[in-house]
Amino acid sequence: MLCLLAAGDGVSHAAKAKTKAHPPDLKILSVDSTPLPFVVAERPLTLTIMVELPKTLPEEALLNVTTLITSRSKSSIRVLESRQPLTDKAVTEATIENGTPRRIEVVQTWDGTDQTRRVVSDGTYDYQIQAKLMVQGKNGPLTRETSWKRRGSFEVRGR
């Protein structure tokens, strides 16, 4: 019986060994937000997101980029989403720099309102952006690959 306990214990340690995760082929390379600081009454905040596509794309692929904007207290929340088909034209127009994989620029704008469409108060706001590569399924789009989340923050002012 002691032999079985010792053997079982060795297996549990092996199962706990950490594996190193490799980065996904779909990546958010950069996020540029303008203007900074963001003054709500002047013009919308523009987020320019550079996404690197995988080397091979499934047929009829869609690129979905979702941005979650939250106040530090989490009382104001807003979700921005953009979805575009990766047609032959979009993939051909994606920039290729020095032999690196194709990159697509996604632009999202935020008008400074929260989930209830009220203007947000002054303060620091956080964003979290994630890109998804999707394909059309029988009941709608299905996620094939997901990028790691990209996080940041910016200052919001009323005037």
C-alpha atoms as a PDB file:
ATOM      1  CA  MET A   1       0.000   0.000   0.000  1.00  0.00           C
ATOM      2  CA  LEU A   2       2.900   2.389   0.693  1.00  0.00           C
ATOM      3  CA  CYS A   3       4.147   1.768  -2.814  1.00  0.00           C
ATOM      4  CA  LEU A   4       0.870   2.931  -4.341  1.00  0.00           C
ATOM      5  CA  LEU A   5       0.811   6.111  -2.262  1.00  0.00           C
ATOM      6  CA  ALA A   6       4.337   7.019  -3.301  1.00  0.00           C
ATOM      7  CA  ALA A   7       3.586   6.358  -6.970  1.00  0.00           C
ATOM      8  CA  GLY A   8       0.413   8.436  -6.816  1.00  0.00           C
ATOM      9  CA  ASP A   9       2.268  11.262  -5.143  1.00  0.00           C
ATOM     10  CA  GLY A  10       4.870  11.347  -7.920  1.00  0.00           C
ATOM     11  CA  VAL A  11       2.141  11.657 -10.560  1.00  0.00           C
ATOM     12  CA  SER A  12       0.496  14.587  -8.811  1.00  0.00           C
ATOM     13  CA  HIS A  13       3.786  16.535  -8.825  1.00  0.00           C
ATOM     14  CA  ALA A  14       4.240  15.874 -12.533  1.00  0.00           C
ATOM     15  CA  ALA A  15       0.715  17.097 -13.225  1.00  0.00           C
ATOM     16  CA  LYS A  16       1.466  20.342 -11.385  1.00  0.00           C
ATOM     17  CA  ALA A  17       4.498  21.161 -13.532  1.00  0.00           C
ATOM     18  CA  LYS A  18       4.041  24.489 -15.297  1.00  0.00           C
ATOM     19  CA  THR A  19       3.985  24.634 -19.060  1.00  0.00           C
ATOM     20  CA  LYS A  20       5.132  27.720 -20.909  1.00  0.00           C
ATOM     21  CA  ALA A  21       2.397  29.318 -23.036  1.00  0.00           C
ATOM     22  CA  HIS A  22       3.397  30.539 -26.479  1.00  0.00           C
ATOM     23  CA  PRO A  23       1.913  33.790 -27.778  1.00  0.00           C
ATOM     24  CA  PRO A  24      -1.016  33.493 -30.195  1.00  0.00           C
ATOM     25  CA  ASP A  25      -0.501  34.204 -33.910  1.00  0.00           C
ATOM     26  CA  LEU A  26      -3.167  36.941 -33.693  1.00  0.00           C
ATOM     27  CA  LYS A  27      -1.614  39.911 -31.870  1.00  0.00           C
ATOM     28  CA  ILE A  28      -2.436  43.470 -30.868  1.00  0.00           C
ATOM     29  CA  LEU A  29       0.808  45.254 -31.640  1.00  0.00           C
ATOM     30  CA  SER A  30      -0.053  48.782 -30.544  1.00  0.00           C
ATOM     31  CA  VAL A  31      -2.817  51.076 -29.350  1.00  0.00           C
ATOM     32  CA  ASP A  32      -2.658  54.808 -30.006  1.00  0.00           C
ATOM     33  CA  SER A  33      -5.270  57.005 -28.323  1.00  0.00           C
ATOM     34  CA  THR A  34      -5.818  60.638 -29.324  1.00  0.00           C
ATOM     35  CA  PRO A  35      -6.376  63.313 -28.149  1.00  0.00           C
ATOM     36  CA  LEU A  36      -4.733  63.058 -24.738  1.00  0.00           C
ATOM     37  CA  PRO A  37      -6.014  64.209 -22.358  1.00  0.00           C
ATOM     38  CA  PHE A  38      -9.462  63.455 -23.725  1.00  0.00           C
ATOM     39  CA  VAL A  39     -11.855  66.418 -23.317  1.00  0.00           C
ATOM     40  CA  VAL A  40     -15.403  65.104 -23.761  1.00  0.00           C
ATOM     41  CA  ALA A  41     -16.988  68.255 -25.207  1.00  0.00           C
ATOM     42  CA  GLU A  42     -14.351  68.828 -27.912  1.00  0.00           C
ATOM     43  CA  ARG A  43     -14.204  65.682 -30.072  1.00  0.00           C
ATOM     44  CA  PRO A  44     -14.360  61.889 -29.707  1.00  0.00           C
ATOM     45  CA  LEU A  45     -11.472  59.817 -28.418  1.00  0.00           C
ATOM     46  CA  THR A  46      -9.924  57.834 -31.276  1.00  0.00           C
ATOM     47  CA  LEU A  47      -8.271  54.483 -30.611  1.00  0.00           C
ATOM     48  CA  THR A  48      -6.041  53.277 -33.444  1.00  0.00           C
ATOM     49  CA  ILE A  49      -5.310  49.582 -32.932  1.00  0.00           C
ATOM     50  CA  MET A  50      -2.662  47.761 -34.982  1.00  0.00           C
ATOM     51  CA  VAL A  51      -3.449  44.044 -35.283  1.00  0.00           C
ATOM     52  CA  GLU A  52      -1.081  41.424 -36.674  1.00  0.00           C
ATOM     53  CA  LEU A  53      -2.848  38.612 -38.519  1.00  0.00           C
ATOM     54  CA  PRO A  54      -1.760  34.961 -38.541  1.00  0.00           C
ATOM     55  CA  LYS A  55       0.163  33.756 -41.600  1.00  0.00           C
ATOM     56  CA  THR A  56      -2.728  31.541 -42.697  1.00  0.00           C
ATOM     57  CA  LEU A  57      -6.358  32.610 -42.501  1.00  0.00           C
ATOM     58  CA  PRO A  58      -9.449  30.417 -42.670  1.00  0.00           C
ATOM     59  CA  GLU A  59     -11.927  31.044 -45.494  1.00  0.00           C
ATOM     60  CA  GLU A  60     -14.484  33.771 -44.830  1.00  0.00           C
ATOM     61  CA  ALA A  61     -12.637  34.928 -41.704  1.00  0.00           C
ATOM     62  CA  LEU A  62     -13.850  37.886 -39.639  1.00  0.00           C
ATOM     63  CA  LEU A  63     -11.718  40.128 -37.457  1.00  0.00           C
ATOM     64  CA  ASN A  64     -13.542  41.238 -34.312  1.00  0.00           C
ATOM     65  CA  VAL A  65     -11.912  43.842 -32.050  1.00  0.00           C
ATOM     66  CA  THR A  66     -13.594  44.596 -28.712  1.00  0.00           C
ATOM     67  CA  THR A  67     -12.649  47.443 -26.366  1.00  0.00           C
ATOM     68  CA  LEU A  68     -13.927  47.680 -22.806  1.00  0.00           C
ATOM     69  CA  ILE A  69     -13.601  51.165 -21.262  1.00  0.00           C
ATOM     70  CA  THR A  70     -14.167  51.424 -17.499  1.00  0.00           C
ATOM     71  CA  SER A  71     -13.816  54.003 -14.756  1.00  0.00           C
ATOM     72  CA  ARG A  72     -11.538  53.013 -11.896  1.00  0.00           C
ATOM     73  CA  SER A  73     -14.606  52.456  -9.693  1.00  0.00           C
ATOM     74  CA  LYS A  74     -16.210  50.322 -12.461  1.00  0.00           C
ATOM     75  CA  SER A  75     -19.355  52.484 -12.211  1.00  0.00           C
ATOM     76  CA  SER A  76     -18.994  53.675 -15.822  1.00  0.00           C
ATOM     77  CA  ILE A  77     -18.588  51.022 -18.485  1.00  0.00           C
ATOM     78  CA  ARG A  78     -18.654  51.210 -22.271  1.00  0.00           C
ATOM     79  CA  VAL A  79     -17.989  48.512 -24.875  1.00  0.00           C
ATOM     80  CA  LEU A  80     -16.812  49.368 -28.391  1.00  0.00           C
ATOM     81  CA  GLU A  81     -16.810  46.659 -31.034  1.00  0.00           C
ATOM     82  CA  SER A  82     -15.772  46.506 -34.647  1.00  0.00           C
ATOM     83  CA  ARG A  83     -16.107  43.494 -36.917  1.00  0.00           C
ATOM     84  CA  GLN A  84     -14.805  43.325 -40.457  1.00  0.00           C
ATOM     85  CA  PRO A  85     -14.598  40.487 -42.965  1.00  0.00           C
ATOM     86  CA  LEU A  86     -11.074  39.577 -43.978  1.00  0.00           C
ATOM     87  CA  THR A  87     -11.848  39.444 -47.669  1.00  0.00           C
ATOM     88  CA  ASP A  88      -9.154  39.086 -50.313  1.00  0.00           C
ATOM     89  CA  LYS A  89      -9.162  42.877 -50.679  1.00  0.00           C
ATOM     90  CA  ALA A  90      -8.755  43.550 -46.934  1.00  0.00           C
ATOM     91  CA  VAL A  91      -5.975  40.983 -46.627  1.00  0.00           C
ATOM     92  CA  THR A  92      -4.207  42.320 -49.720  1.00  0.00           C
ATOM     93  CA  GLU A  93      -4.405  45.874 -48.351  1.00  0.00           C
ATOM     94  CA  ALA A  94      -3.009  44.791 -44.977  1.00  0.00           C
ATOM     95  CA  THR A  95       0.468  46.200 -44.637  1.00  0.00           C
ATOM     96  CA  ILE A  96       3.505  43.943 -44.796  1.00  0.00           C
ATOM     97  CA  GLU A  97       6.654  45.459 -43.329  1.00  0.00           C
ATOM     98  CA  ASN A  98      10.092  43.922 -43.890  1.00  0.00           C
ATOM     99  CA  GLY A  99       8.765  40.393 -44.346  1.00  0.00           C
ATOM    100  CA  THR A 100       6.679  40.474 -41.152  1.00  0.00           C
ATOM    101  CA  PRO A 101       3.115  39.108 -41.138  1.00  0.00           C
ATOM    102  CA  ARG A 102       0.204  41.215 -42.385  1.00  0.00           C
ATOM    103  CA  ARG A 103      -1.073  44.028 -40.199  1.00  0.00           C
ATOM    104  CA  ILE A 104      -4.477  45.683 -40.180  1.00  0.00           C
ATOM    105  CA  GLU A 105      -5.295  49.014 -38.572  1.00  0.00           C
ATOM    106  CA  VAL A 106      -8.612  49.147 -36.718  1.00  0.00           C
ATOM    107  CA  VAL A 107      -9.987  52.542 -35.677  1.00  0.00           C
ATOM    108  CA  GLN A 108     -12.613  52.901 -32.939  1.00  0.00           C
ATOM    109  CA  THR A 109     -14.082  56.108 -31.525  1.00  0.00           C
ATOM    110  CA  TRP A 110     -15.611  56.843 -28.135  1.00  0.00           C
ATOM    111  CA  ASP A 111     -17.890  59.809 -27.519  1.00  0.00           C
ATOM    112  CA  GLY A 112     -17.273  59.930 -23.761  1.00  0.00           C
ATOM    113  CA  THR A 113     -20.553  58.351 -22.689  1.00  0.00           C
ATOM    114  CA  ASP A 114     -21.154  55.315 -20.503  1.00  0.00           C
ATOM    115  CA  GLN A 115     -23.421  52.302 -20.905  1.00  0.00           C
ATOM    116  CA  THR A 116     -26.492  54.485 -20.223  1.00  0.00           C
ATOM    117  CA  ARG A 117     -25.340  57.106 -22.796  1.00  0.00           C
ATOM    118  CA  ARG A 118     -24.603  59.680 -20.070  1.00  0.00           C
ATOM    119  CA  VAL A 119     -21.404  61.730 -20.275  1.00  0.00           C
ATOM    120  CA  VAL A 120     -18.762  60.251 -17.965  1.00  0.00           C
ATOM    121  CA  SER A 121     -17.170  62.210 -15.134  1.00  0.00           C
ATOM    122  CA  ASP A 122     -13.582  63.435 -15.053  1.00  0.00           C
ATOM    123  CA  GLY A 123     -10.906  60.959 -14.058  1.00  0.00           C
ATOM    124  CA  THR A 124      -8.683  58.131 -15.192  1.00  0.00           C
ATOM    125  CA  TYR A 125     -10.287  55.438 -17.334  1.00  0.00           C
ATOM    126  CA  ASP A 126      -8.884  52.024 -18.190  1.00  0.00           C
ATOM    127  CA  TYR A 127      -9.244  50.164 -21.458  1.00  0.00           C
ATOM    128  CA  GLN A 128      -8.914  46.507 -22.294  1.00  0.00           C
ATOM    129  CA  ILE A 129      -8.742  45.465 -25.951  1.00  0.00           C
ATOM    130  CA  GLN A 130      -8.949  41.972 -27.436  1.00  0.00           C
ATOM    131  CA  ALA A 131      -8.950  40.803 -31.044  1.00  0.00           C
ATOM    132  CA  LYS A 132     -10.659  37.623 -32.234  1.00  0.00           C
ATOM    133  CA  LEU A 133     -10.383  35.772 -35.514  1.00  0.00           C
ATOM    134  CA  MET A 134     -13.809  34.319 -36.277  1.00  0.00           C
ATOM    135  CA  VAL A 135     -15.375  32.088 -38.923  1.00  0.00           C
ATOM    136  CA  GLN A 136     -18.994  31.743 -39.938  1.00  0.00           C
ATOM    137  CA  GLY A 137     -20.735  28.810 -38.243  1.00  0.00           C
ATOM    138  CA  LYS A 138     -24.226  27.354 -38.684  1.00  0.00           C
ATOM    139  CA  ASN A 139     -25.641  29.577 -35.931  1.00  0.00           C
ATOM    140  CA  GLY A 140     -23.401  32.615 -36.365  1.00  0.00           C
ATOM    141  CA  PRO A 141     -19.717  33.474 -36.023  1.00  0.00           C
ATOM    142  CA  LEU A 142     -17.425  31.138 -34.062  1.00  0.00           C
ATOM    143  CA  THR A 143     -14.127  32.166 -32.480  1.00  0.00           C
ATOM    144  CA  ARG A 144     -11.089  30.438 -34.013  1.00  0.00           C
ATOM    145  CA  GLU A 145      -8.272  32.386 -32.375  1.00  0.00           C
ATOM    146  CA  THR A 146      -7.993  35.066 -29.697  1.00  0.00           C
ATOM    147  CA  SER A 147      -5.229  37.581 -29.035  1.00  0.00           C
ATOM    148  CA  TRP A 148      -3.885  38.361 -25.609  1.00  0.00           C
ATOM    149  CA  LYS A 149      -5.588  41.369 -24.033  1.00  0.00           C
ATOM    150  CA  ARG A 150      -3.936  44.763 -24.295  1.00  0.00           C
ATOM    151  CA  ARG A 151      -4.524  47.147 -21.380  1.00  0.00           C
ATOM    152  CA  GLY A 152      -3.917  50.836 -20.809  1.00  0.00           C
ATOM    153  CA  SER A 153      -5.420  54.002 -19.383  1.00  0.00           C
ATOM    154  CA  PHE A 154      -6.121  57.618 -20.281  1.00  0.00           C
ATOM    155  CA  GLU A 155      -7.309  60.808 -18.617  1.00  0.00           C
ATOM    156  CA  VAL A 156     -10.825  62.215 -19.226  1.00  0.00           C
ATOM    157  CA  ARG A 157     -11.677  65.867 -18.611  1.00  0.00           C
ATOM    158  CA  GLY A 158     -14.995  67.669 -18.903  1.00  0.00           C
ATOM    159  CA  ARG A 159     -13.491  70.992 -20.076  1.00  0.00           C
END
